[in-house]
Protein backbone atom coordinates (compact mmCIF):
# COMPACT_ATOMS: atom_id res chain seq x y z
CA MET A 1 -114.36 -134.17 58.40
CA THR A 2 -118.29 -132.85 59.09
CA LYS A 3 -120.88 -134.27 60.76
CA ILE A 4 -123.48 -136.43 58.37
CA LYS A 5 -126.35 -134.28 58.27
CA TYR A 6 -129.66 -137.22 56.35
CA ARG A 7 -132.89 -135.47 55.43
CA TYR A 8 -135.88 -137.34 53.86
CA VAL A 9 -136.72 -137.12 50.20
CA PHE A 10 -139.09 -137.83 48.17
CA ASN A 11 -139.76 -139.04 44.48
CA ARG A 12 -136.29 -136.96 43.74
CA LYS A 13 -136.62 -138.14 39.90
CA ARG A 14 -139.52 -137.18 39.77
CA LYS A 15 -141.61 -140.62 37.83
CA LEU A 16 -144.57 -142.70 39.48
CA ASN A 17 -144.67 -146.07 39.61
CA ALA A 18 -147.26 -147.83 37.79
CA MET A 19 -149.00 -147.40 40.78
CA GLY A 20 -149.05 -144.06 41.11
CA GLU A 21 -146.41 -143.93 43.95
CA ALA A 22 -143.19 -142.55 45.25
CA LEU A 23 -139.91 -143.51 46.14
CA VAL A 24 -138.85 -142.91 49.68
CA GLN A 25 -134.86 -142.41 50.13
CA ILE A 26 -132.61 -140.61 53.02
CA GLU A 27 -129.77 -138.08 51.61
CA ALA A 28 -127.29 -138.34 53.41
CA TYR A 29 -125.02 -135.24 53.51
CA GLN A 30 -121.39 -134.13 53.82
CA GLU A 31 -119.45 -131.21 52.29
CA GLY A 32 -120.98 -130.78 49.22
CA ARG A 33 -121.29 -134.11 48.65
CA LYS A 34 -124.05 -136.21 48.52
CA VAL A 35 -124.99 -139.69 49.13
CA TYR A 36 -128.54 -140.76 48.63
CA PHE A 37 -130.06 -144.70 50.56
CA GLY A 38 -132.93 -146.01 49.46
CA THR A 39 -135.56 -147.34 52.01
CA HIS A 40 -137.93 -149.61 49.68
CA VAL A 41 -140.47 -146.99 50.32
CA TYR A 42 -143.70 -146.45 47.76
CA VAL A 43 -146.15 -143.52 48.43
CA LYS A 44 -148.57 -141.52 46.86
CA PRO A 45 -147.97 -138.24 46.53
CA SER A 46 -151.15 -136.94 48.43
CA GLU A 47 -149.84 -139.39 50.86
CA TRP A 48 -146.50 -137.71 51.57
CA THR A 49 -146.43 -134.49 53.07
CA GLY A 50 -142.81 -132.39 54.95
CA CYS A 51 -140.82 -135.19 55.51
CA GLU A 52 -143.48 -138.44 57.16
CA VAL A 53 -145.83 -140.38 55.41
CA THR A 54 -149.59 -139.21 56.67
CA GLY A 55 -153.75 -140.91 55.20
CA ARG A 56 -152.51 -143.71 55.10
CA HIS A 57 -153.78 -146.33 57.88
CA ASP A 58 -150.42 -147.64 58.18
CA ALA A 59 -148.74 -144.83 57.85
CA ALA A 60 -147.33 -145.53 61.63
CA ALA A 61 -145.67 -147.77 60.19
CA LEU A 62 -144.25 -146.22 57.89
CA ASN A 63 -143.14 -143.71 59.39
CA GLY A 64 -141.19 -146.31 62.02
CA MET A 65 -139.87 -147.77 58.56
CA LEU A 66 -138.03 -144.46 57.13
CA GLY A 67 -136.54 -143.40 61.15
CA GLU A 68 -135.20 -147.19 61.56
CA GLN A 69 -133.59 -146.58 59.21
CA LEU A 70 -132.19 -143.14 59.76
CA VAL A 71 -131.75 -144.51 63.21
CA ARG A 72 -129.33 -146.89 61.71
CA LEU A 73 -127.14 -145.00 59.31
CA GLN A 74 -126.06 -142.82 61.84
CA GLU A 75 -125.39 -145.40 64.66
CA ILE A 76 -122.66 -146.37 61.33
CA GLU A 77 -121.65 -143.18 62.46
CA VAL A 78 -120.93 -143.68 65.44
CA ALA A 79 -120.37 -146.85 65.44
CA VAL A 80 -117.00 -144.99 63.14
CA TRP A 81 -116.13 -142.88 64.86
CA ARG A 82 -115.89 -144.98 68.56
CA GLN A 83 -113.00 -147.13 65.75
CA GLY A 84 -111.12 -143.41 65.82
CA VAL A 85 -111.84 -142.64 62.27
CA CYS A 86 -113.68 -139.88 61.19
CA PRO A 87 -116.83 -141.21 59.34
CA THR A 88 -117.29 -140.48 55.59
CA LEU A 89 -120.58 -140.84 53.05
CA GLN A 90 -118.55 -144.16 51.82
CA HIS A 91 -118.18 -146.07 54.56
CA LEU A 92 -120.97 -145.13 55.25
CA LYS A 93 -122.16 -146.38 51.87
CA LYS A 94 -120.44 -149.73 52.48
CA ASP A 95 -121.21 -149.94 56.32
CA PHE A 96 -125.01 -149.80 54.71
CA TYR A 97 -125.06 -152.40 51.88
CA ASP A 98 -123.12 -155.04 53.78
CA LYS A 99 -125.13 -155.45 56.52
CA GLU A 100 -129.13 -155.91 54.41
């Protein structure tokens, strides 16, 4: 098994909500497969630059929330490694949503 790679994905479904905002998700990729995790962070397209929120009064807090969720996914991956099991996207998905 290979390491799981992570990245932020903005507006994956190419739709905005009634307030003109779109969801930021975390994509986990491993061996050609992808799983997406919702972050509950919605921002306008003009407020999303590269892989972070900019141009908002609470941008630092939102970026912190995104970072915490990414670290949580990585901690789950490391915990599975420590058990002597190769982590998969299914492990990640199960453990992420069980602890919410």
